């Protein structure tokens, strides 16, 4: 949903000139921004009362539901099934990885890739920055990408290399990738809070945070700061999830790993960030090296079965191993779509 909603934030019940000025000073300029906010954000950052903040968020979300931008509070599972069959998915340029994800990176969801250095996380981010610009008919999202870089790993040269290898216009591809270089944890929170305006102004369809936890691990050191760090990460993750749902964009986050020396059997690495990131991520994929290839393992998903697949990092970005058959991809469809297809064949 990139189109603007023709309702001024000052037209909401309970929003007078003073309240509107407070909201705008905090970066909330549209109904969508307000609907994606939390009560605590409004209370802490804009000096509003709990009751006022709650009513504002409720009225903004109610307006979006009435206009069909958000789902109703109560819908049948059959209706929800039909809607999800039309969900947009962005290709990774790897049939194997797309198959593991049931068609690609899904909109209205947060997809987490975690793994050690060199496992392919940043390469997936660079590749999907390009694939998201493709038309929907070519399994893209027909929009721009927002790359939030916390580790100084974004390289426009790599984008140009992938674009040339895939016969795409390099200048056009680069112009449709917007990079936010982040310097500290507070800066990351600020960018995430202002994301709604960036999405609407630049037709953003894919948001990438590479990586979600690097700055927090560097700034919040020791057990004494663990609680504060997790609270801040929780706020960022839930904000990303609301943005994905309200603006209908795909969100990718990368995450680091940490070693567990007391593990005697199996892989001793686990994702950093604890349960906060694990619970907030819709889909969780573990990446690890497998010789010249990379292995992707579906660790957590509300719909995908456990599975794994291999892919490679080459000049053209992410691709499948040359000597292996691609993972079968079955696009989710509704029963109504199946019935229509059978009738058309007859």
C-alpha atoms as a PDB file:
ATOM      1  CA  UNK A   1       0.000   0.000   0.000  1.00  0.00           C
ATOM      2  CA  UNK A   2       1.954   2.990  -1.243  1.00  0.00           C
ATOM      3  CA  UNK A   3      -0.932   5.271  -2.148  1.00  0.00           C
ATOM      4  CA  UNK A   4      -1.691   8.134   0.206  1.00  0.00           C
ATOM      5  CA  UNK A   5      -4.872   8.200   2.253  1.00  0.00           C
ATOM      6  CA  UNK A   6      -6.784  11.414   1.689  1.00  0.00           C
ATOM      7  CA  UNK A   7      -7.507  12.086   5.355  1.00  0.00           C
ATOM      8  CA  UNK A   8      -5.645  14.725   7.313  1.00  0.00           C
ATOM      9  CA  UNK A   9      -4.415  13.626  10.714  1.00  0.00           C
ATOM     10  CA  UNK A  10      -6.141  16.675  12.186  1.00  0.00           C
ATOM     11  CA  UNK A  11      -9.525  15.290  11.095  1.00  0.00           C
ATOM     12  CA  UNK A  12      -9.354  12.406  13.574  1.00  0.00           C
ATOM     13  CA  UNK A  13     -11.622  12.690  16.634  1.00  0.00           C
ATOM     14  CA  UNK A  14      -9.730  14.225  19.536  1.00  0.00           C
ATOM     15  CA  UNK A  15      -6.925  15.740  17.421  1.00  0.00           C
ATOM     16  CA  UNK A  16      -6.878  19.498  17.814  1.00  0.00           C
ATOM     17  CA  UNK A  17      -4.206  21.961  16.669  1.00  0.00           C
ATOM     18  CA  UNK A  18      -2.077  21.413  19.792  1.00  0.00           C
ATOM     19  CA  UNK A  19      -2.190  17.604  19.559  1.00  0.00           C
ATOM     20  CA  UNK A  20      -1.516  17.702  15.826  1.00  0.00           C
ATOM     21  CA  UNK A  21       1.554  19.907  16.428  1.00  0.00           C
ATOM     22  CA  UNK A  22       2.845  17.443  19.031  1.00  0.00           C
ATOM     23  CA  UNK A  23       2.401  14.501  16.666  1.00  0.00           C
ATOM     24  CA  UNK A  24       4.100  16.255  13.752  1.00  0.00           C
ATOM     25  CA  UNK A  25       7.011  17.324  15.959  1.00  0.00           C
ATOM     26  CA  UNK A  26       7.532  13.645  16.736  1.00  0.00           C
ATOM     27  CA  UNK A  27       7.551  12.659  13.061  1.00  0.00           C
ATOM     28  CA  UNK A  28       3.933  11.444  12.853  1.00  0.00           C
ATOM     29  CA  UNK A  29       2.436  13.246   9.881  1.00  0.00           C
ATOM     30  CA  UNK A  30      -0.010  10.716   8.407  1.00  0.00           C
ATOM     31  CA  UNK A  31      -2.759   8.348   9.532  1.00  0.00           C
ATOM     32  CA  UNK A  32      -0.509   5.404   8.667  1.00  0.00           C
ATOM     33  CA  UNK A  33       2.275   6.732  10.914  1.00  0.00           C
ATOM     34  CA  UNK A  34      -0.153   7.052  13.794  1.00  0.00           C
ATOM     35  CA  UNK A  35      -1.658   3.587  13.260  1.00  0.00           C
ATOM     36  CA  UNK A  36       1.827   2.034  13.333  1.00  0.00           C
ATOM     37  CA  UNK A  37       2.755   3.778  16.583  1.00  0.00           C
ATOM     38  CA  UNK A  38       2.472   2.350  20.070  1.00  0.00           C
ATOM     39  CA  UNK A  39       0.861   4.013  23.057  1.00  0.00           C
ATOM     40  CA  UNK A  40       4.195   4.078  24.894  1.00  0.00           C
ATOM     41  CA  UNK A  41       5.865   5.898  21.991  1.00  0.00           C
ATOM     42  CA  UNK A  42       3.234   8.615  22.023  1.00  0.00           C
ATOM     43  CA  UNK A  43       3.364   8.972  25.794  1.00  0.00           C
ATOM     44  CA  UNK A  44       7.164   9.021  26.084  1.00  0.00           C
ATOM     45  CA  UNK A  45       8.062  11.063  23.011  1.00  0.00           C
ATOM     46  CA  UNK A  46       5.144  13.473  22.663  1.00  0.00           C
ATOM     47  CA  UNK A  47       4.044  14.078  26.233  1.00  0.00           C
ATOM     48  CA  UNK A  48       0.529  12.717  25.722  1.00  0.00           C
ATOM     49  CA  UNK A  49      -1.586  11.028  28.375  1.00  0.00           C
ATOM     50  CA  UNK A  50      -2.177   7.269  28.227  1.00  0.00           C
ATOM     51  CA  UNK A  51      -5.861   7.759  27.460  1.00  0.00           C
ATOM     52  CA  UNK A  52      -5.230  10.273  24.666  1.00  0.00           C
ATOM     53  CA  UNK A  53      -2.516   8.110  23.079  1.00  0.00           C
ATOM     54  CA  UNK A  54      -4.694   4.998  23.235  1.00  0.00           C
ATOM     55  CA  UNK A  55      -7.656   6.777  21.653  1.00  0.00           C
ATOM     56  CA  UNK A  56      -5.519   8.246  18.847  1.00  0.00           C
ATOM     57  CA  UNK A  57      -4.025   4.885  17.854  1.00  0.00           C
ATOM     58  CA  UNK A  58      -7.458   3.223  18.070  1.00  0.00           C
ATOM     59  CA  UNK A  59      -9.129   5.854  15.872  1.00  0.00           C
ATOM     60  CA  UNK A  60      -6.326   5.706  13.266  1.00  0.00           C
ATOM     61  CA  UNK A  61      -6.514   1.919  13.024  1.00  0.00           C
ATOM     62  CA  UNK A  62     -10.319   2.011  12.902  1.00  0.00           C
ATOM     63  CA  UNK A  63     -10.184   4.446   9.977  1.00  0.00           C
ATOM     64  CA  UNK A  64      -7.790   2.161   8.084  1.00  0.00           C
ATOM     65  CA  UNK A  65     -10.060  -0.832   8.681  1.00  0.00           C
ATOM     66  CA  UNK A  66     -13.116   1.086   7.487  1.00  0.00           C
ATOM     67  CA  UNK A  67     -11.302   2.009   4.274  1.00  0.00           C
ATOM     68  CA  UNK A  68     -10.067  -1.561   3.725  1.00  0.00           C
ATOM     69  CA  UNK A  69      -6.358  -0.901   4.333  1.00  0.00           C
ATOM     70  CA  UNK A  70      -6.297  -3.127   7.404  1.00  0.00           C
ATOM     71  CA  UNK A  71      -8.119  -6.372   8.044  1.00  0.00           C
ATOM     72  CA  UNK A  72     -11.256  -6.262  10.140  1.00  0.00           C
ATOM     73  CA  UNK A  73     -11.055  -7.315  13.757  1.00  0.00           C
ATOM     74  CA  UNK A  74     -12.973 -10.496  12.988  1.00  0.00           C
ATOM     75  CA  UNK A  75     -12.722 -12.378   9.666  1.00  0.00           C
ATOM     76  CA  UNK A  76     -13.430 -15.964   8.681  1.00  0.00           C
ATOM     77  CA  UNK A  77     -10.481 -18.297   8.161  1.00  0.00           C
ATOM     78  CA  UNK A  78     -11.719 -18.940   4.615  1.00  0.00           C
ATOM     79  CA  UNK A  79     -11.578 -15.222   3.780  1.00  0.00           C
ATOM     80  CA  UNK A  80      -8.121 -14.946   5.312  1.00  0.00           C
ATOM     81  CA  UNK A  81      -7.000 -18.011   3.320  1.00  0.00           C
ATOM     82  CA  UNK A  82      -8.145 -16.390   0.065  1.00  0.00           C
ATOM     83  CA  UNK A  83      -6.343 -13.134   0.914  1.00  0.00           C
ATOM     84  CA  UNK A  84      -3.071 -14.835   1.748  1.00  0.00           C
ATOM     85  CA  UNK A  85      -3.148 -16.677  -1.567  1.00  0.00           C
ATOM     86  CA  UNK A  86      -2.732 -13.251  -3.199  1.00  0.00           C
ATOM     87  CA  UNK A  87       0.187 -12.231  -0.979  1.00  0.00           C
ATOM     88  CA  UNK A  88       3.147 -10.789  -2.882  1.00  0.00           C
ATOM     89  CA  UNK A  89       6.448 -12.635  -2.687  1.00  0.00           C
ATOM     90  CA  UNK A  90       9.826 -11.364  -3.841  1.00  0.00           C
ATOM     91  CA  UNK A  91      12.224 -13.772  -5.506  1.00  0.00           C
ATOM     92  CA  UNK A  92      15.775 -14.278  -4.238  1.00  0.00           C
ATOM     93  CA  UNK A  93      16.900 -15.391  -7.742  1.00  0.00           C
ATOM     94  CA  UNK A  94      17.442 -18.866  -6.265  1.00  0.00           C
ATOM     95  CA  UNK A  95      14.738 -21.430  -6.990  1.00  0.00           C
ATOM     96  CA  UNK A  96      15.984 -23.472  -4.056  1.00  0.00           C
ATOM     97  CA  UNK A  97      15.714 -20.610  -1.585  1.00  0.00           C
ATOM     98  CA  UNK A  98      12.392 -19.469  -3.061  1.00  0.00           C
ATOM     99  CA  UNK A  99      11.100 -23.009  -2.671  1.00  0.00           C
ATOM    100  CA  UNK A 100      12.131 -23.101   0.979  1.00  0.00           C
ATOM    101  CA  UNK A 101      10.207 -19.841   1.479  1.00  0.00           C
ATOM    102  CA  UNK A 102       7.162 -21.035  -0.528  1.00  0.00           C
ATOM    103  CA  UNK A 103       7.749 -18.496  -3.271  1.00  0.00           C
ATOM    104  CA  UNK A 104      10.160 -15.901  -1.894  1.00  0.00           C
ATOM    105  CA  UNK A 105      10.317 -13.095   0.657  1.00  0.00           C
ATOM    106  CA  UNK A 106       6.753 -12.405   1.777  1.00  0.00           C
ATOM    107  CA  UNK A 107       5.178  -8.992   2.276  1.00  0.00           C
ATOM    108  CA  UNK A 108       3.530  -8.114   5.601  1.00  0.00           C
ATOM    109  CA  UNK A 109       6.083 -10.314   7.343  1.00  0.00           C
ATOM    110  CA  UNK A 110       9.521 -10.093   8.947  1.00  0.00           C
ATOM    111  CA  UNK A 111      11.991 -12.626   7.524  1.00  0.00           C
ATOM    112  CA  UNK A 112      15.153 -13.165   9.570  1.00  0.00           C
ATOM    113  CA  UNK A 113      18.381 -14.607   8.200  1.00  0.00           C
ATOM    114  CA  UNK A 114      21.003 -15.433  10.803  1.00  0.00           C
ATOM    115  CA  UNK A 115      24.398 -17.074  10.552  1.00  0.00           C
ATOM    116  CA  UNK A 116      28.096 -16.551  11.038  1.00  0.00           C
ATOM    117  CA  UNK A 117      30.196 -14.214   8.892  1.00  0.00           C
ATOM    118  CA  UNK A 118      30.455 -15.305   5.265  1.00  0.00           C
ATOM    119  CA  UNK A 119      27.247 -17.351   5.360  1.00  0.00           C
ATOM    120  CA  UNK A 120      25.540 -15.208   2.700  1.00  0.00           C
ATOM    121  CA  UNK A 121      23.320 -12.864   4.736  1.00  0.00           C
ATOM    122  CA  UNK A 122      24.504  -9.598   3.168  1.00  0.00           C
ATOM    123  CA  UNK A 123      24.609 -11.178  -0.304  1.00  0.00           C
ATOM    124  CA  UNK A 124      20.931 -12.109   0.014  1.00  0.00           C
ATOM    125  CA  UNK A 125      20.209  -8.510   1.037  1.00  0.00           C
ATOM    126  CA  UNK A 126      22.080  -7.085  -1.962  1.00  0.00           C
ATOM    127  CA  UNK A 127      20.353  -9.484  -4.352  1.00  0.00           C
ATOM    128  CA  UNK A 128      16.826  -8.858  -3.072  1.00  0.00           C
ATOM    129  CA  UNK A 129      17.422  -5.085  -3.323  1.00  0.00           C
ATOM    130  CA  UNK A 130      17.473  -5.708  -7.061  1.00  0.00           C
ATOM    131  CA  UNK A 131      14.807  -8.394  -7.370  1.00  0.00           C
ATOM    132  CA  UNK A 132      12.304  -6.242  -5.449  1.00  0.00           C
ATOM    133  CA  UNK A 133      12.418  -3.720  -8.314  1.00  0.00           C
ATOM    134  CA  UNK A 134      11.195  -6.266 -10.862  1.00  0.00           C
ATOM    135  CA  UNK A 135       7.549  -6.270 -11.970  1.00  0.00           C
ATOM    136  CA  UNK A 136       5.153  -8.481 -10.025  1.00  0.00           C
ATOM    137  CA  UNK A 137       4.866 -10.742 -13.107  1.00  0.00           C
ATOM    138  CA  UNK A 138       8.603 -11.501 -12.740  1.00  0.00           C
ATOM    139  CA  UNK A 139       8.204 -12.289  -9.013  1.00  0.00           C
ATOM    140  CA  UNK A 140       9.316  -8.840  -7.884  1.00  0.00           C
ATOM    141  CA  UNK A 141       7.518  -6.184  -5.850  1.00  0.00           C
ATOM    142  CA  UNK A 142       7.599  -3.385  -8.439  1.00  0.00           C
ATOM    143  CA  UNK A 143       9.062  -0.894  -5.982  1.00  0.00           C
ATOM    144  CA  UNK A 144      12.173   0.499  -4.361  1.00  0.00           C
ATOM    145  CA  UNK A 145      14.249  -0.861  -1.486  1.00  0.00           C
ATOM    146  CA  UNK A 146      15.312   0.738   1.789  1.00  0.00           C
ATOM    147  CA  UNK A 147      18.647  -0.616   3.026  1.00  0.00           C
ATOM    148  CA  UNK A 148      19.347   0.205   6.698  1.00  0.00           C
ATOM    149  CA  UNK A 149      23.074  -0.446   7.079  1.00  0.00           C
ATOM    150  CA  UNK A 150      24.372  -0.817  10.642  1.00  0.00           C
ATOM    151  CA  UNK A 151      27.629  -2.626   9.819  1.00  0.00           C
ATOM    152  CA  UNK A 152      28.889  -0.573   6.859  1.00  0.00           C
ATOM    153  CA  UNK A 153      28.526  -3.615   4.597  1.00  0.00           C
ATOM    154  CA  UNK A 154      26.436  -2.103   1.793  1.00  0.00           C
ATOM    155  CA  UNK A 155      28.440  -1.837  -1.425  1.00  0.00           C
ATOM    156  CA  UNK A 156      26.975  -0.083  -4.486  1.00  0.00           C
ATOM    157  CA  UNK A 157      29.714  -1.726  -6.557  1.00  0.00           C
ATOM    158  CA  UNK A 158      28.258  -5.123  -5.684  1.00  0.00           C
ATOM    159  CA  UNK A 159      24.795  -3.932  -6.689  1.00  0.00           C
ATOM    160  CA  UNK A 160      26.195  -2.744 -10.037  1.00  0.00           C
ATOM    161  CA  UNK A 161      27.951  -6.089 -10.540  1.00  0.00           C
ATOM    162  CA  UNK A 162      24.767  -8.087  -9.934  1.00  0.00           C
ATOM    163  CA  UNK A 163      22.711  -5.759 -12.151  1.00  0.00           C
ATOM    164  CA  UNK A 164      25.183  -6.025 -15.046  1.00  0.00           C
ATOM    165  CA  UNK A 165      25.321  -9.824 -14.711  1.00  0.00           C
ATOM    166  CA  UNK A 166      21.526  -9.919 -15.018  1.00  0.00           C
ATOM    167  CA  UNK A 167      21.356  -7.425 -17.926  1.00  0.00           C
ATOM    168  CA  UNK A 168      19.619  -4.729 -15.895  1.00  0.00           C
ATOM    169  CA  UNK A 169      20.099  -0.975 -16.118  1.00  0.00           C
ATOM    170  CA  UNK A 170      22.696  -0.224 -13.434  1.00  0.00           C
ATOM    171  CA  UNK A 171      21.820   3.449 -12.973  1.00  0.00           C
ATOM    172  CA  UNK A 172      18.106   2.731 -12.631  1.00  0.00           C
ATOM    173  CA  UNK A 173      18.734  -0.080 -10.137  1.00  0.00           C
ATOM    174  CA  UNK A 174      20.989   2.109  -7.983  1.00  0.00           C
ATOM    175  CA  UNK A 175      18.508   4.998  -8.057  1.00  0.00           C
ATOM    176  CA  UNK A 176      15.801   2.750  -6.579  1.00  0.00           C
ATOM    177  CA  UNK A 177      17.841   1.671  -3.554  1.00  0.00           C
ATOM    178  CA  UNK A 178      17.790   4.110  -0.637  1.00  0.00           C
ATOM    179  CA  UNK A 179      20.549   3.575   1.923  1.00  0.00           C
ATOM    180  CA  UNK A 180      20.417   4.738   5.544  1.00  0.00           C
ATOM    181  CA  UNK A 181      23.821   4.439   7.191  1.00  0.00           C
ATOM    182  CA  UNK A 182      23.315   3.981  10.939  1.00  0.00           C
ATOM    183  CA  UNK A 183      25.910   5.051  13.516  1.00  0.00           C
ATOM    184  CA  UNK A 184      24.417   4.036  16.884  1.00  0.00           C
ATOM    185  CA  UNK A 185      21.443   2.261  18.448  1.00  0.00           C
ATOM    186  CA  UNK A 186      19.529   5.496  19.032  1.00  0.00           C
ATOM    187  CA  UNK A 187      19.948   6.414  15.360  1.00  0.00           C
ATOM    188  CA  UNK A 188      18.479   3.034  14.380  1.00  0.00           C
ATOM    189  CA  UNK A 189      15.441   3.636  16.579  1.00  0.00           C
ATOM    190  CA  UNK A 190      14.967   7.074  15.006  1.00  0.00           C
ATOM    191  CA  UNK A 191      15.093   5.717  11.443  1.00  0.00           C
ATOM    192  CA  UNK A 192      12.686   2.894  12.236  1.00  0.00           C
ATOM    193  CA  UNK A 193      10.278   5.384  13.828  1.00  0.00           C
ATOM    194  CA  UNK A 194      10.391   7.595  10.696  1.00  0.00           C
ATOM    195  CA  UNK A 195      10.128   4.678   8.298  1.00  0.00           C
ATOM    196  CA  UNK A 196       6.503   5.277   7.349  1.00  0.00           C
ATOM    197  CA  UNK A 197       7.262   8.632   5.729  1.00  0.00           C
ATOM    198  CA  UNK A 198      10.241   7.154   3.850  1.00  0.00           C
ATOM    199  CA  UNK A 199       8.099   4.307   2.531  1.00  0.00           C
ATOM    200  CA  UNK A 200       5.367   6.588   1.216  1.00  0.00           C
ATOM    201  CA  UNK A 201       7.699   9.158  -0.337  1.00  0.00           C
ATOM    202  CA  UNK A 202       9.897   6.638  -2.173  1.00  0.00           C
ATOM    203  CA  UNK A 203       7.506   3.769  -3.026  1.00  0.00           C
ATOM    204  CA  UNK A 204       9.467   1.409  -0.777  1.00  0.00           C
ATOM    205  CA  UNK A 205       8.385  -2.224  -1.081  1.00  0.00           C
ATOM    206  CA  UNK A 206      11.337  -3.907   0.640  1.00  0.00           C
ATOM    207  CA  UNK A 207      12.957  -2.882   3.930  1.00  0.00           C
ATOM    208  CA  UNK A 208      16.295  -4.417   4.934  1.00  0.00           C
ATOM    209  CA  UNK A 209      18.034  -4.077   8.300  1.00  0.00           C
ATOM    210  CA  UNK A 210      21.585  -5.425   8.092  1.00  0.00           C
ATOM    211  CA  UNK A 211      22.083  -6.210  10.924  1.00  0.00           C
ATOM    212  CA  UNK A 212      19.467  -5.809  13.633  1.00  0.00           C
ATOM    213  CA  UNK A 213      21.665  -6.312  16.690  1.00  0.00           C
ATOM    214  CA  UNK A 214      25.255  -5.301  15.904  1.00  0.00           C
ATOM    215  CA  UNK A 215      25.009  -1.802  17.398  1.00  0.00           C
ATOM    216  CA  UNK A 216      23.142  -2.968  20.492  1.00  0.00           C
ATOM    217  CA  UNK A 217      25.752  -5.662  21.185  1.00  0.00           C
ATOM    218  CA  UNK A 218      28.473  -3.021  20.976  1.00  0.00           C
ATOM    219  CA  UNK A 219      26.756  -0.384  23.120  1.00  0.00           C
ATOM    220  CA  UNK A 220      24.989  -2.473  25.786  1.00  0.00           C
ATOM    221  CA  UNK A 221      27.801  -4.439  27.408  1.00  0.00           C
ATOM    222  CA  UNK A 222      27.417  -6.625  30.481  1.00  0.00           C
ATOM    223  CA  UNK A 223      24.484  -8.237  32.249  1.00  0.00           C
ATOM    224  CA  UNK A 224      23.523  -4.964  33.891  1.00  0.00           C
ATOM    225  CA  UNK A 225      22.422  -3.490  30.563  1.00  0.00           C
ATOM    226  CA  UNK A 226      20.791  -6.653  29.192  1.00  0.00           C
ATOM    227  CA  UNK A 227      17.256  -5.696  30.227  1.00  0.00           C
ATOM    228  CA  UNK A 228      17.470  -2.240  28.649  1.00  0.00           C
ATOM    229  CA  UNK A 229      18.970  -3.669  25.462  1.00  0.00           C
ATOM    230  CA  UNK A 230      16.211  -6.243  25.100  1.00  0.00           C
ATOM    231  CA  UNK A 231      13.506  -3.647  25.693  1.00  0.00           C
ATOM    232  CA  UNK A 232      14.912  -1.439  22.937  1.00  0.00           C
ATOM    233  CA  UNK A 233      15.245  -4.386  20.545  1.00  0.00           C
ATOM    234  CA  UNK A 234      11.679  -5.413  21.353  1.00  0.00           C
ATOM    235  CA  UNK A 235      10.422  -1.943  20.437  1.00  0.00           C
ATOM    236  CA  UNK A 236      12.327  -1.967  17.128  1.00  0.00           C
ATOM    237  CA  UNK A 237      11.146  -5.457  16.151  1.00  0.00           C
ATOM    238  CA  UNK A 238       7.490  -4.782  16.880  1.00  0.00           C
ATOM    239  CA  UNK A 239       7.679  -1.490  15.015  1.00  0.00           C
ATOM    240  CA  UNK A 240       9.097  -3.313  11.968  1.00  0.00           C
ATOM    241  CA  UNK A 241       6.313  -5.880  12.180  1.00  0.00           C
ATOM    242  CA  UNK A 242       3.584  -3.223  12.307  1.00  0.00           C
ATOM    243  CA  UNK A 243       5.182  -1.315   9.424  1.00  0.00           C
ATOM    244  CA  UNK A 244       5.258  -4.494   7.324  1.00  0.00           C
ATOM    245  CA  UNK A 245       1.554  -5.139   7.916  1.00  0.00           C
ATOM    246  CA  UNK A 246       0.231  -1.591   7.583  1.00  0.00           C
ATOM    247  CA  UNK A 247       2.316  -0.538   4.559  1.00  0.00           C
ATOM    248  CA  UNK A 248       2.237  -3.985   2.882  1.00  0.00           C
ATOM    249  CA  UNK A 249       6.019  -4.209   2.506  1.00  0.00           C
ATOM    250  CA  UNK A 250       8.482  -7.068   2.909  1.00  0.00           C
ATOM    251  CA  UNK A 251      10.980  -6.763   5.769  1.00  0.00           C
ATOM    252  CA  UNK A 252      14.297  -8.624   5.915  1.00  0.00           C
ATOM    253  CA  UNK A 253      16.538  -8.517   8.966  1.00  0.00           C
ATOM    254  CA  UNK A 254      19.922 -10.150   9.368  1.00  0.00           C
ATOM    255  CA  UNK A 255      21.130 -11.340  12.721  1.00  0.00           C
ATOM    256  CA  UNK A 256      24.445 -12.422  14.173  1.00  0.00           C
ATOM    257  CA  UNK A 257      25.156 -15.638  16.058  1.00  0.00           C
ATOM    258  CA  UNK A 258      26.791 -16.498  19.335  1.00  0.00           C
ATOM    259  CA  UNK A 259      28.559 -19.642  20.471  1.00  0.00           C
ATOM    260  CA  UNK A 260      27.237 -21.935  23.209  1.00  0.00           C
ATOM    261  CA  UNK A 261      30.303 -23.782  24.545  1.00  0.00           C
ATOM    262  CA  UNK A 262      28.200 -26.119  26.705  1.00  0.00           C
ATOM    263  CA  UNK A 263      26.688 -27.743  23.584  1.00  0.00           C
ATOM    264  CA  UNK A 264      28.219 -31.214  23.210  1.00  0.00           C
ATOM    265  CA  UNK A 265      26.147 -32.439  20.278  1.00  0.00           C
ATOM    266  CA  UNK A 266      24.986 -30.593  17.179  1.00  0.00           C
ATOM    267  CA  UNK A 267      25.712 -27.047  16.076  1.00  0.00           C
ATOM    268  CA  UNK A 268      26.983 -24.880  18.982  1.00  0.00           C
ATOM    269  CA  UNK A 269      25.870 -21.598  17.353  1.00  0.00           C
ATOM    270  CA  UNK A 270      22.572 -19.876  18.020  1.00  0.00           C
ATOM    271  CA  UNK A 271      21.028 -16.583  16.992  1.00  0.00           C
ATOM    272  CA  UNK A 272      21.876 -13.506  19.034  1.00  0.00           C
ATOM    273  CA  UNK A 273      19.175 -11.374  20.604  1.00  0.00           C
ATOM    274  CA  UNK A 274      17.447 -14.126  22.531  1.00  0.00           C
ATOM    275  CA  UNK A 275      13.703 -14.742  22.487  1.00  0.00           C
ATOM    276  CA  UNK A 276      12.879 -11.101  21.715  1.00  0.00           C
ATOM    277  CA  UNK A 277      14.031 -11.372  18.092  1.00  0.00           C
ATOM    278  CA  UNK A 278      13.004 -15.010  17.771  1.00  0.00           C
ATOM    279  CA  UNK A 279       9.369 -14.377  18.722  1.00  0.00           C
ATOM    280  CA  UNK A 280       9.042 -11.166  16.700  1.00  0.00           C
ATOM    281  CA  UNK A 281      10.356 -12.685  13.451  1.00  0.00           C
ATOM    282  CA  UNK A 282       7.702 -14.271  11.246  1.00  0.00           C
ATOM    283  CA  UNK A 283      10.133 -16.573   9.432  1.00  0.00           C
ATOM    284  CA  UNK A 284      13.558 -17.567  10.720  1.00  0.00           C
ATOM    285  CA  UNK A 285      16.239 -19.039   8.434  1.00  0.00           C
ATOM    286  CA  UNK A 286      19.644 -20.233   9.608  1.00  0.00           C
ATOM    287  CA  UNK A 287      22.478 -19.868   7.075  1.00  0.00           C
ATOM    288  CA  UNK A 288      25.780 -21.721   7.265  1.00  0.00           C
ATOM    289  CA  UNK A 289      28.690 -22.524   5.030  1.00  0.00           C
ATOM    290  CA  UNK A 290      28.751 -25.844   3.157  1.00  0.00           C
ATOM    291  CA  UNK A 291      32.003 -25.809   1.220  1.00  0.00           C
ATOM    292  CA  UNK A 292      31.609 -23.471  -1.750  1.00  0.00           C
ATOM    293  CA  UNK A 293      27.853 -23.548  -1.259  1.00  0.00           C
ATOM    294  CA  UNK A 294      25.640 -22.139   1.480  1.00  0.00           C
ATOM    295  CA  UNK A 295      22.929 -24.056   3.320  1.00  0.00           C
ATOM    296  CA  UNK A 296      19.660 -22.430   4.371  1.00  0.00           C
ATOM    297  CA  UNK A 297      17.639 -24.126   7.126  1.00  0.00           C
ATOM    298  CA  UNK A 298      14.053 -23.203   7.980  1.00  0.00           C
ATOM    299  CA  UNK A 299      14.206 -22.950  11.771  1.00  0.00           C
ATOM    300  CA  UNK A 300      10.865 -21.355  12.613  1.00  0.00           C
ATOM    301  CA  UNK A 301       7.748 -20.573  10.616  1.00  0.00           C
ATOM    302  CA  UNK A 302       3.983 -20.541  11.238  1.00  0.00           C
ATOM    303  CA  UNK A 303       3.358 -22.235   7.871  1.00  0.00           C
ATOM    304  CA  UNK A 304       6.515 -23.772   6.363  1.00  0.00           C
ATOM    305  CA  UNK A 305       7.579 -27.315   7.238  1.00  0.00           C
ATOM    306  CA  UNK A 306      11.088 -27.843   8.540  1.00  0.00           C
ATOM    307  CA  UNK A 307      13.478 -28.137   5.627  1.00  0.00           C
ATOM    308  CA  UNK A 308      16.788 -27.077   4.209  1.00  0.00           C
ATOM    309  CA  UNK A 309      18.300 -26.311   0.827  1.00  0.00           C
ATOM    310  CA  UNK A 310      21.547 -25.186  -0.773  1.00  0.00           C
ATOM    311  CA  UNK A 311      22.384 -22.078  -2.767  1.00  0.00           C
ATOM    312  CA  UNK A 312      25.489 -20.319  -4.075  1.00  0.00           C
ATOM    313  CA  UNK A 313      26.882 -16.789  -4.095  1.00  0.00           C
ATOM    314  CA  UNK A 314      28.167 -15.867  -7.562  1.00  0.00           C
ATOM    315  CA  UNK A 315      28.788 -12.731  -9.630  1.00  0.00           C
ATOM    316  CA  UNK A 316      25.047 -12.487 -10.379  1.00  0.00           C
ATOM    317  CA  UNK A 317      24.176 -12.634  -6.673  1.00  0.00           C
ATOM    318  CA  UNK A 318      22.266 -15.573  -5.220  1.00  0.00           C
ATOM    319  CA  UNK A 319      21.700 -18.605  -7.426  1.00  0.00           C
ATOM    320  CA  UNK A 320      21.260 -22.380  -7.291  1.00  0.00           C
ATOM    321  CA  UNK A 321      24.083 -24.944  -7.324  1.00  0.00           C
ATOM    322  CA  UNK A 322      24.663 -25.978 -10.917  1.00  0.00           C
ATOM    323  CA  UNK A 323      24.752 -29.728 -10.305  1.00  0.00           C
ATOM    324  CA  UNK A 324      21.575 -30.021  -8.231  1.00  0.00           C
ATOM    325  CA  UNK A 325      17.890 -29.950  -9.047  1.00  0.00           C
ATOM    326  CA  UNK A 326      16.057 -26.938  -7.646  1.00  0.00           C
ATOM    327  CA  UNK A 327      13.722 -27.357  -4.699  1.00  0.00           C
ATOM    328  CA  UNK A 328      10.141 -27.741  -5.897  1.00  0.00           C
ATOM    329  CA  UNK A 329       8.081 -24.591  -5.441  1.00  0.00           C
ATOM    330  CA  UNK A 330       4.343 -24.900  -4.949  1.00  0.00           C
ATOM    331  CA  UNK A 331       2.625 -21.518  -4.840  1.00  0.00           C
ATOM    332  CA  UNK A 332      -0.040 -21.304  -2.122  1.00  0.00           C
ATOM    333  CA  UNK A 333      -3.486 -20.937  -3.693  1.00  0.00           C
ATOM    334  CA  UNK A 334      -7.024 -20.717  -2.418  1.00  0.00           C
ATOM    335  CA  UNK A 335      -9.678 -23.333  -3.029  1.00  0.00           C
ATOM    336  CA  UNK A 336     -11.557 -20.704  -5.061  1.00  0.00           C
ATOM    337  CA  UNK A 337      -8.562 -20.278  -7.385  1.00  0.00           C
ATOM    338  CA  UNK A 338      -8.280 -24.058  -7.842  1.00  0.00           C
ATOM    339  CA  UNK A 339     -11.985 -24.234  -8.759  1.00  0.00           C
ATOM    340  CA  UNK A 340     -11.629 -21.417 -11.292  1.00  0.00           C
ATOM    341  CA  UNK A 341      -8.587 -23.085 -12.882  1.00  0.00           C
ATOM    342  CA  UNK A 342     -10.423 -26.398 -13.268  1.00  0.00           C
ATOM    343  CA  UNK A 343     -13.432 -24.647 -14.817  1.00  0.00           C
ATOM    344  CA  UNK A 344     -11.234 -22.776 -17.275  1.00  0.00           C
ATOM    345  CA  UNK A 345      -9.549 -26.030 -18.335  1.00  0.00           C
ATOM    346  CA  UNK A 346     -12.937 -27.572 -19.028  1.00  0.00           C
END
